[in-house]
Amino acid sequence: MSEKTQAETVRVFIALAPPDEAKEELEQRLEPTYAAYPRMRWNRIEDWHITLAFLGELPVTAVELLRPPLAELAEARRPLRLALRGGGHFDERVLWTGIDGDLDGLHLLAADVRAAVTDCGIPFHGRPLRPHLTLARSRRHDTTSAVEAADGLDGFTGRPWETRRLHLVGSNTGRGPGPIHYRDIRSWPFEGGG
């Protein structure tokens, strides 16, 4: 029964993804940090994203309901100009880099995405948006690695870039020691004009 349940649901979030050049620039900055903190659980660069709305485990049928309003939303919106900047940590365990640029536009986009989710009849009780990109998690009882690694990102300012697509993303639900892997369920280009 659990296999059937698992096949009928998917863990979902809606996100933006920085372009490869922006991710590679940050990855270069992180090279000494990777070497200094090899025991941290580092997210794969191809999975780096800015979450606009985390929806959790949803029935596949509910995911299908999201496609038309998200496509419409992306079609009507202009790209945002953003940049990766600095670093920090949540709860001394989660290392992140911050987001700079059109933060007002980013908050408006997140509000519209969350409204579209609610309009589809999908309950959404997310936290307020704190624009960031999660890089790594420290192991349990390690309260220093993320804090020290965040210090290594002080002064980092990445080159500006434009958002290209709105992503509806699914993740594997395995709870093993390996990293979580993400896959686009669907994505849509931002096509809005003025």
Protein backbone atom coordinates (compact mmCIF):
# COMPACT_ATOMS: atom_id res chain seq x y z
CA MET A 1 0.00 0.00 0.00
CA SER A 2 2.83 2.44 0.80
CA GLU A 3 4.31 2.00 -2.71
CA LYS A 4 0.93 2.85 -4.24
CA THR A 5 0.58 5.90 -1.97
CA GLN A 6 4.08 7.05 -2.81
CA ALA A 7 3.41 6.74 -6.57
CA GLU A 8 0.24 8.83 -6.22
CA THR A 9 1.94 11.71 -4.41
CA VAL A 10 4.96 13.90 -4.98
CA ARG A 11 6.82 16.43 -2.83
CA VAL A 12 6.52 19.77 -4.61
CA PHE A 13 7.80 23.33 -4.51
CA ILE A 14 7.78 26.32 -6.85
CA ALA A 15 11.09 28.04 -7.43
CA LEU A 16 13.49 30.13 -9.48
CA ALA A 17 16.89 28.81 -10.58
CA PRO A 18 19.94 31.01 -11.10
CA PRO A 19 21.65 30.57 -14.49
CA ASP A 20 24.69 28.31 -14.71
CA GLU A 21 27.12 31.27 -14.86
CA ALA A 22 25.86 32.64 -11.52
CA LYS A 23 26.01 29.20 -9.90
CA GLU A 24 29.51 28.56 -11.23
CA GLU A 25 30.71 31.92 -9.89
CA LEU A 26 29.45 31.02 -6.42
CA GLU A 27 30.84 27.49 -6.68
CA GLN A 28 34.32 28.94 -7.35
CA ARG A 29 33.99 31.13 -4.26
CA LEU A 30 33.00 28.05 -2.24
CA GLU A 31 35.96 25.87 -3.28
CA PRO A 32 38.00 26.56 -0.09
CA THR A 33 34.84 26.07 1.98
CA TYR A 34 34.15 22.66 0.41
CA ALA A 35 37.68 21.62 1.37
CA ALA A 36 37.43 23.04 4.90
CA TYR A 37 34.03 21.43 5.66
CA PRO A 38 33.88 18.10 3.81
CA ARG A 39 31.47 16.56 6.35
CA MET A 40 28.71 19.04 5.62
CA ARG A 41 25.93 17.75 3.36
CA TRP A 42 26.43 19.95 0.29
CA ASN A 43 23.55 20.45 -2.14
CA ARG A 44 24.38 19.65 -5.75
CA ILE A 45 24.95 22.79 -7.83
CA GLU A 46 22.35 21.64 -10.37
CA ASP A 47 19.76 21.61 -7.56
CA TRP A 48 20.41 25.16 -6.30
CA HIS A 49 17.18 27.14 -6.34
CA ILE A 50 15.26 29.97 -4.69
CA THR A 51 12.05 28.57 -3.21
CA LEU A 52 8.97 30.76 -3.68
CA ALA A 53 6.50 28.28 -2.17
CA PHE A 54 7.10 24.87 -0.57
CA LEU A 55 3.95 22.78 -0.88
CA GLY A 56 5.09 19.50 0.64
CA GLU A 57 3.61 16.14 -0.31
CA LEU A 58 0.73 16.52 -2.78
CA PRO A 59 -1.46 14.12 -4.74
CA VAL A 60 -0.40 13.98 -8.38
CA THR A 61 -3.90 15.20 -9.31
CA ALA A 62 -3.35 18.39 -7.30
CA VAL A 63 -0.03 18.99 -9.05
CA GLU A 64 -1.85 18.89 -12.39
CA LEU A 65 -4.17 21.68 -11.18
CA LEU A 66 -1.15 23.97 -10.70
CA ARG A 67 0.07 23.88 -14.29
CA PRO A 68 -2.41 26.29 -15.99
CA PRO A 69 -2.27 29.11 -13.40
CA LEU A 70 1.53 28.94 -13.11
CA ALA A 71 1.89 29.01 -16.91
CA GLU A 72 -0.40 32.05 -17.03
CA LEU A 73 1.49 33.78 -14.24
CA ALA A 74 4.89 33.28 -15.93
CA GLU A 75 3.53 34.43 -19.28
CA ALA A 76 2.37 37.71 -17.75
CA ARG A 77 5.51 38.47 -15.71
CA ARG A 78 8.72 40.19 -16.72
CA PRO A 79 12.02 38.58 -15.70
CA LEU A 80 13.46 39.82 -12.40
CA ARG A 81 17.04 41.07 -12.08
CA LEU A 82 18.67 39.31 -9.13
CA ALA A 83 22.14 38.44 -7.80
CA LEU A 84 23.59 36.04 -5.23
CA ARG A 85 25.13 37.85 -2.31
CA GLY A 86 26.82 37.10 1.01
CA GLY A 87 25.98 34.20 3.25
CA GLY A 88 24.35 33.20 6.46
CA HIS A 89 22.90 30.30 8.39
CA PHE A 90 19.61 29.15 9.85
CA ASP A 91 19.65 27.51 13.29
CA GLU A 92 23.44 27.07 13.12
CA ARG A 93 22.90 24.13 10.73
CA VAL A 94 21.78 25.40 7.31
CA LEU A 95 24.25 27.38 5.18
CA TRP A 96 22.81 29.75 2.58
CA THR A 97 23.68 32.58 0.25
CA GLY A 98 21.42 35.60 0.07
CA ILE A 99 19.56 37.17 -2.83
CA ASP A 100 19.99 40.77 -3.92
CA GLY A 101 18.42 42.87 -6.65
CA ASP A 102 14.71 43.34 -7.32
CA LEU A 103 13.55 42.03 -3.94
CA ASP A 104 10.23 43.88 -4.15
CA GLY A 105 9.52 42.10 -7.44
CA LEU A 106 10.61 38.80 -5.91
CA HIS A 107 8.21 39.22 -2.97
CA LEU A 108 5.37 40.14 -5.36
CA LEU A 109 6.09 37.09 -7.50
CA ALA A 110 6.09 34.83 -4.43
CA ALA A 111 2.78 36.35 -3.25
CA ASP A 112 1.24 35.74 -6.69
CA VAL A 113 2.56 32.16 -6.78
CA ARG A 114 1.16 31.47 -3.31
CA ALA A 115 -2.21 33.01 -4.27
CA ALA A 116 -2.33 30.76 -7.38
CA VAL A 117 -1.69 27.73 -5.17
CA THR A 118 -4.50 28.72 -2.80
CA ASP A 119 -6.84 29.48 -5.72
CA CYS A 120 -6.31 25.87 -6.89
CA GLY A 121 -7.72 24.69 -3.56
CA ILE A 122 -4.33 23.57 -2.26
CA PRO A 123 -3.84 24.66 1.35
CA PHE A 124 -0.74 26.80 1.77
CA HIS A 125 0.56 27.75 5.19
CA GLY A 126 4.12 28.65 4.30
CA ARG A 127 6.47 30.88 6.15
CA PRO A 128 7.14 34.43 5.01
CA LEU A 129 9.60 34.55 2.11
CA ARG A 130 13.24 34.91 3.20
CA PRO A 131 15.05 35.04 -0.16
CA HIS A 132 18.00 32.69 -0.08
CA LEU A 133 19.60 29.73 -1.80
CA THR A 134 20.41 26.77 0.48
CA LEU A 135 23.95 25.47 -0.01
CA ALA A 136 24.51 22.85 2.69
CA ARG A 137 23.42 21.39 6.01
CA SER A 138 25.68 20.46 8.87
CA ARG A 139 25.39 17.12 10.49
CA ARG A 140 23.39 16.71 13.67
CA HIS A 141 25.09 18.20 16.74
CA ASP A 142 27.50 20.23 14.55
CA THR A 143 26.79 23.84 15.51
CA THR A 144 29.95 25.41 14.13
CA SER A 145 30.48 24.37 10.49
CA ALA A 146 27.58 26.32 8.95
CA VAL A 147 28.33 29.39 11.06
CA GLU A 148 32.03 29.37 10.12
CA ALA A 149 31.29 28.59 6.46
CA ALA A 150 28.87 31.54 6.30
CA ASP A 151 31.72 33.83 7.38
CA GLY A 152 33.61 32.73 4.26
CA LEU A 153 30.88 34.27 2.09
CA ASP A 154 31.18 37.72 3.67
CA GLY A 155 31.72 40.24 0.92
CA PHE A 156 30.64 37.90 -1.88
CA THR A 157 28.58 39.70 -4.51
CA GLY A 158 27.72 37.73 -7.62
CA ARG A 159 27.07 39.23 -11.02
CA PRO A 160 23.45 40.26 -11.70
CA TRP A 161 21.28 37.92 -13.76
CA GLU A 162 17.70 37.74 -14.97
CA THR A 163 15.22 35.07 -14.00
CA ARG A 164 14.40 32.98 -17.03
CA ARG A 165 11.75 30.51 -15.95
CA LEU A 166 9.28 29.66 -13.20
CA HIS A 167 9.84 26.06 -12.06
CA LEU A 168 7.39 23.55 -10.62
CA VAL A 169 9.74 21.08 -8.96
CA GLY A 170 9.35 17.61 -7.51
CA SER A 171 11.81 15.94 -5.16
CA ASN A 172 12.49 12.35 -4.26
CA THR A 173 11.05 11.29 -0.95
CA GLY A 174 13.87 9.01 0.16
CA ARG A 175 15.06 9.58 3.69
CA GLY A 176 18.45 7.98 3.23
CA PRO A 177 21.78 9.61 4.01
CA GLY A 178 22.32 10.77 0.42
CA PRO A 179 21.30 14.15 -0.99
CA ILE A 180 17.76 14.92 -2.08
CA HIS A 181 17.46 15.16 -5.86
CA TYR A 182 15.11 17.55 -7.62
CA ARG A 183 13.51 17.40 -11.06
CA ASP A 184 11.42 19.87 -12.99
CA ILE A 185 7.86 18.69 -13.30
CA ARG A 186 7.39 21.64 -15.64
CA SER A 187 8.80 25.13 -16.14
CA TRP A 188 7.58 28.22 -17.99
CA PRO A 189 9.49 31.23 -19.40
CA PHE A 190 8.81 34.71 -18.10
CA GLU A 191 7.37 36.49 -21.13
CA GLY A 192 5.80 39.70 -19.79
CA GLY A 193 6.62 42.88 -21.63
CA GLY A 194 6.39 46.23 -19.92
